[in-house]
Amino acid sequence: MRQLKVVFRENPDYDYKSVSPVSTEIIPVNFATERNQMLSHLYTMIINGHLTIPEKYEKLIVSLITAQSNEYSFDTFDKEQAS
């Protein structure tokens, strides 16, 4: 995380407690607790055309197309089903 912030010329000692929802700062996110919201936002961004993935990343595109959540609420994500 620290290296990523340095590469993007951000303060590596940033206080994450003061992050704004409109901030463009890189912040760590715990996938174990935030996965539902992250998957929902990713799905919305792709469906609405806000995220475009270059065709050279074919494996990523196929993985995203074939990925399945076991429940509509995104409580679980079946990695085996997506491969």
N, C-alpha and C. Protein backbone atom coordinates (compact mmCIF):
# COMPACT_ATOMS: atom_id res chain seq x y z
N MET A 1 0.82 -1.18 0.00
CA MET A 1 0.00 0.00 0.00
C MET A 1 0.87 1.25 0.00
N ARG A 2 1.86 1.21 0.82
CA ARG A 2 2.76 2.35 0.94
C ARG A 2 3.44 2.66 -0.40
N GLN A 3 3.90 1.61 -1.09
CA GLN A 3 4.58 1.80 -2.37
C GLN A 3 3.62 2.36 -3.42
N LEU A 4 2.39 1.90 -3.41
CA LEU A 4 1.39 2.40 -4.35
C LEU A 4 1.14 3.89 -4.14
N LYS A 5 1.04 4.30 -2.90
CA LYS A 5 0.84 5.72 -2.61
C LYS A 5 2.04 6.54 -3.06
N VAL A 6 3.23 6.02 -2.89
CA VAL A 6 4.43 6.75 -3.32
C VAL A 6 4.45 6.89 -4.84
N VAL A 7 4.11 5.81 -5.56
CA VAL A 7 4.10 5.85 -7.02
C VAL A 7 3.13 6.92 -7.52
N PHE A 8 2.00 7.08 -6.85
CA PHE A 8 1.00 8.06 -7.27
C PHE A 8 1.20 9.40 -6.58
N ARG A 9 2.37 9.58 -5.98
CA ARG A 9 2.77 10.84 -5.35
C ARG A 9 1.78 11.30 -4.28
N GLU A 10 1.34 10.33 -3.49
CA GLU A 10 0.47 10.63 -2.37
C GLU A 10 1.25 10.45 -1.08
N ASN A 11 0.77 11.09 -0.04
CA ASN A 11 1.41 10.99 1.27
C ASN A 11 1.23 9.57 1.81
N PRO A 12 2.31 8.81 1.98
CA PRO A 12 2.19 7.42 2.47
C PRO A 12 1.73 7.35 3.93
N ASP A 13 1.81 8.45 4.66
CA ASP A 13 1.40 8.48 6.07
C ASP A 13 0.03 9.13 6.24
N TYR A 14 -0.78 9.06 5.21
CA TYR A 14 -2.10 9.68 5.20
C TYR A 14 -3.01 9.08 6.27
N ASP A 15 -3.82 9.91 6.90
CA ASP A 15 -4.77 9.47 7.92
C ASP A 15 -6.07 9.03 7.23
N TYR A 16 -6.30 7.72 7.18
CA TYR A 16 -7.44 7.19 6.45
C TYR A 16 -8.78 7.46 7.13
N LYS A 17 -8.76 7.90 8.36
CA LYS A 17 -10.00 8.18 9.08
C LYS A 17 -10.67 9.45 8.57
N SER A 18 -9.93 10.30 7.88
CA SER A 18 -10.50 11.57 7.40
C SER A 18 -10.80 11.54 5.90
N VAL A 19 -10.99 10.37 5.34
CA VAL A 19 -11.25 10.24 3.90
C VAL A 19 -12.67 10.67 3.57
N SER A 20 -12.78 11.45 2.53
CA SER A 20 -14.08 11.90 2.04
C SER A 20 -14.59 10.93 0.98
N PRO A 21 -15.90 10.77 0.84
CA PRO A 21 -16.44 9.88 -0.21
C PRO A 21 -16.07 10.32 -1.62
N VAL A 22 -15.75 11.59 -1.79
CA VAL A 22 -15.39 12.09 -3.12
C VAL A 22 -13.88 12.18 -3.31
N SER A 23 -13.14 11.69 -2.35
CA SER A 23 -11.68 11.73 -2.40
C SER A 23 -11.14 10.85 -3.52
N THR A 24 -10.06 11.28 -4.12
CA THR A 24 -9.39 10.45 -5.13
C THR A 24 -8.14 9.81 -4.55
N GLU A 25 -7.99 9.89 -3.25
CA GLU A 25 -6.85 9.28 -2.57
C GLU A 25 -6.97 7.76 -2.60
N ILE A 26 -5.84 7.09 -2.65
CA ILE A 26 -5.81 5.63 -2.56
C ILE A 26 -5.97 5.27 -1.09
N ILE A 27 -6.95 4.42 -0.82
CA ILE A 27 -7.18 4.00 0.56
C ILE A 27 -7.25 2.47 0.61
N PRO A 28 -6.77 1.87 1.68
CA PRO A 28 -6.86 0.42 1.80
C PRO A 28 -8.31 0.01 2.07
N VAL A 29 -8.72 -1.09 1.45
CA VAL A 29 -10.07 -1.60 1.65
C VAL A 29 -9.97 -3.08 2.00
N ASN A 30 -10.67 -3.47 3.02
CA ASN A 30 -10.68 -4.86 3.45
C ASN A 30 -11.73 -5.62 2.64
N PHE A 31 -11.29 -6.44 1.69
CA PHE A 31 -12.22 -7.17 0.84
C PHE A 31 -13.10 -8.11 1.64
N ALA A 32 -12.60 -8.64 2.73
CA ALA A 32 -13.38 -9.58 3.54
C ALA A 32 -14.65 -8.93 4.09
N THR A 33 -14.58 -7.65 4.40
CA THR A 33 -15.75 -6.98 4.97
C THR A 33 -16.47 -6.08 3.98
N GLU A 34 -15.82 -5.67 2.91
CA GLU A 34 -16.40 -4.72 1.96
C GLU A 34 -16.72 -5.34 0.61
N ARG A 35 -16.60 -6.67 0.48
CA ARG A 35 -16.74 -7.30 -0.83
C ARG A 35 -18.10 -7.08 -1.48
N ASN A 36 -19.17 -7.12 -0.69
CA ASN A 36 -20.50 -6.94 -1.26
C ASN A 36 -20.64 -5.59 -1.94
N GLN A 37 -20.23 -4.57 -1.24
CA GLN A 37 -20.32 -3.22 -1.78
C GLN A 37 -19.38 -3.04 -2.98
N MET A 38 -18.17 -3.60 -2.89
CA MET A 38 -17.20 -3.48 -3.98
C MET A 38 -17.70 -4.19 -5.24
N LEU A 39 -18.23 -5.39 -5.11
CA LEU A 39 -18.75 -6.12 -6.26
C LEU A 39 -19.95 -5.42 -6.87
N SER A 40 -20.80 -4.87 -6.04
CA SER A 40 -21.96 -4.14 -6.51
C SER A 40 -21.54 -2.89 -7.28
N HIS A 41 -20.58 -2.15 -6.75
CA HIS A 41 -20.10 -0.94 -7.43
C HIS A 41 -19.39 -1.28 -8.74
N LEU A 42 -18.60 -2.34 -8.75
CA LEU A 42 -17.92 -2.76 -9.97
C LEU A 42 -18.94 -3.12 -11.04
N TYR A 43 -19.94 -3.89 -10.67
CA TYR A 43 -21.00 -4.29 -11.60
C TYR A 43 -21.70 -3.05 -12.18
N THR A 44 -22.03 -2.10 -11.31
CA THR A 44 -22.71 -0.88 -11.75
C THR A 44 -21.83 -0.07 -12.69
N MET A 45 -20.55 0.04 -12.38
CA MET A 45 -19.63 0.81 -13.24
C MET A 45 -19.52 0.18 -14.62
N ILE A 46 -19.44 -1.13 -14.68
CA ILE A 46 -19.31 -1.82 -15.97
C ILE A 46 -20.60 -1.70 -16.77
N ILE A 47 -21.73 -1.96 -16.14
CA ILE A 47 -23.02 -1.92 -16.83
C ILE A 47 -23.33 -0.52 -17.36
N ASN A 48 -22.95 0.51 -16.61
CA ASN A 48 -23.22 1.89 -17.01
C ASN A 48 -22.17 2.46 -17.96
N GLY A 49 -21.17 1.65 -18.31
CA GLY A 49 -20.15 2.09 -19.26
C GLY A 49 -19.11 3.03 -18.69
N HIS A 50 -18.98 3.07 -17.35
CA HIS A 50 -17.99 3.95 -16.72
C HIS A 50 -16.62 3.29 -16.63
N LEU A 51 -16.56 2.01 -16.93
CA LEU A 51 -15.30 1.27 -16.88
C LEU A 51 -15.14 0.49 -18.17
N THR A 52 -14.06 0.73 -18.86
CA THR A 52 -13.77 0.01 -20.09
C THR A 52 -12.46 -0.73 -19.90
N ILE A 53 -12.45 -1.99 -20.27
CA ILE A 53 -11.24 -2.81 -20.14
C ILE A 53 -10.72 -3.11 -21.54
N PRO A 54 -9.47 -2.75 -21.83
CA PRO A 54 -8.91 -3.02 -23.15
C PRO A 54 -8.99 -4.51 -23.51
N GLU A 55 -9.22 -4.80 -24.77
CA GLU A 55 -9.39 -6.18 -25.25
C GLU A 55 -8.16 -7.04 -25.00
N LYS A 56 -6.99 -6.44 -24.84
CA LYS A 56 -5.78 -7.25 -24.60
C LYS A 56 -5.84 -7.98 -23.26
N TYR A 57 -6.78 -7.57 -22.38
CA TYR A 57 -6.97 -8.25 -21.09
C TYR A 57 -8.12 -9.23 -21.20
N GLU A 58 -8.06 -10.07 -22.21
CA GLU A 58 -9.13 -11.01 -22.52
C GLU A 58 -9.47 -11.92 -21.33
N LYS A 59 -8.45 -12.41 -20.64
CA LYS A 59 -8.71 -13.33 -19.51
C LYS A 59 -9.50 -12.61 -18.40
N LEU A 60 -9.16 -11.37 -18.15
CA LEU A 60 -9.89 -10.60 -17.14
C LEU A 60 -11.34 -10.40 -17.57
N ILE A 61 -11.54 -10.05 -18.82
CA ILE A 61 -12.89 -9.84 -19.35
C ILE A 61 -13.71 -11.12 -19.24
N VAL A 62 -13.13 -12.24 -19.64
CA VAL A 62 -13.84 -13.52 -19.56
C VAL A 62 -14.17 -13.85 -18.10
N SER A 63 -13.23 -13.61 -17.20
CA SER A 63 -13.46 -13.87 -15.78
C SER A 63 -14.60 -13.02 -15.24
N LEU A 64 -14.64 -11.75 -15.64
CA LEU A 64 -15.72 -10.88 -15.18
C LEU A 64 -17.06 -11.29 -15.76
N ILE A 65 -17.06 -11.70 -17.02
CA ILE A 65 -18.31 -12.11 -17.67
C ILE A 65 -18.85 -13.38 -17.03
N THR A 66 -17.97 -14.31 -16.72
CA THR A 66 -18.41 -15.61 -16.21
C THR A 66 -18.50 -15.67 -14.69
N ALA A 67 -18.05 -14.62 -14.00
CA ALA A 67 -18.11 -14.61 -12.54
C ALA A 67 -19.56 -14.65 -12.08
N GLN A 68 -19.80 -15.36 -11.01
CA GLN A 68 -21.15 -15.48 -10.49
C GLN A 68 -21.13 -15.29 -8.98
N SER A 69 -22.13 -14.62 -8.51
CA SER A 69 -22.35 -14.52 -7.07
C SER A 69 -23.36 -15.59 -6.72
N ASN A 70 -23.18 -16.26 -5.59
CA ASN A 70 -24.10 -17.31 -5.19
C ASN A 70 -25.46 -16.77 -4.79
N GLU A 71 -25.52 -15.50 -4.44
CA GLU A 71 -26.77 -14.87 -4.07
C GLU A 71 -26.81 -13.48 -4.67
N TYR A 72 -27.99 -12.98 -4.91
CA TYR A 72 -28.14 -11.64 -5.48
C TYR A 72 -27.49 -10.58 -4.60
N SER A 73 -27.46 -10.80 -3.31
CA SER A 73 -26.91 -9.80 -2.38
C SER A 73 -25.39 -9.76 -2.41
N PHE A 74 -24.76 -10.57 -3.21
CA PHE A 74 -23.31 -10.63 -3.31
C PHE A 74 -22.65 -11.08 -2.01
N ASP A 75 -23.39 -11.82 -1.18
CA ASP A 75 -22.82 -12.29 0.08
C ASP A 75 -21.65 -13.22 -0.15
N THR A 76 -21.73 -14.01 -1.21
CA THR A 76 -20.63 -14.91 -1.51
C THR A 76 -20.30 -14.80 -2.98
N PHE A 77 -19.09 -15.13 -3.31
CA PHE A 77 -18.61 -15.05 -4.68
C PHE A 77 -17.95 -16.37 -5.01
N ASP A 78 -18.40 -17.02 -6.06
CA ASP A 78 -17.91 -18.35 -6.41
C ASP A 78 -16.76 -18.22 -7.40
N LYS A 79 -15.52 -18.27 -6.90
CA LYS A 79 -14.35 -18.17 -7.75
C LYS A 79 -14.21 -19.37 -8.66
N GLU A 80 -14.57 -20.54 -8.17
CA GLU A 80 -14.47 -21.77 -8.96
C GLU A 80 -15.41 -21.71 -10.17
N GLN A 81 -16.58 -21.18 -9.96
CA GLN A 81 -17.56 -21.07 -11.04
C GLN A 81 -17.06 -20.11 -12.12
N ALA A 82 -16.27 -19.11 -11.74
CA ALA A 82 -15.79 -18.10 -12.67
C ALA A 82 -14.58 -18.55 -13.48
N SER A 83 -13.94 -19.63 -13.07
CA SER A 83 -12.71 -20.04 -13.78
C SER A 83 -12.98 -21.01 -14.89
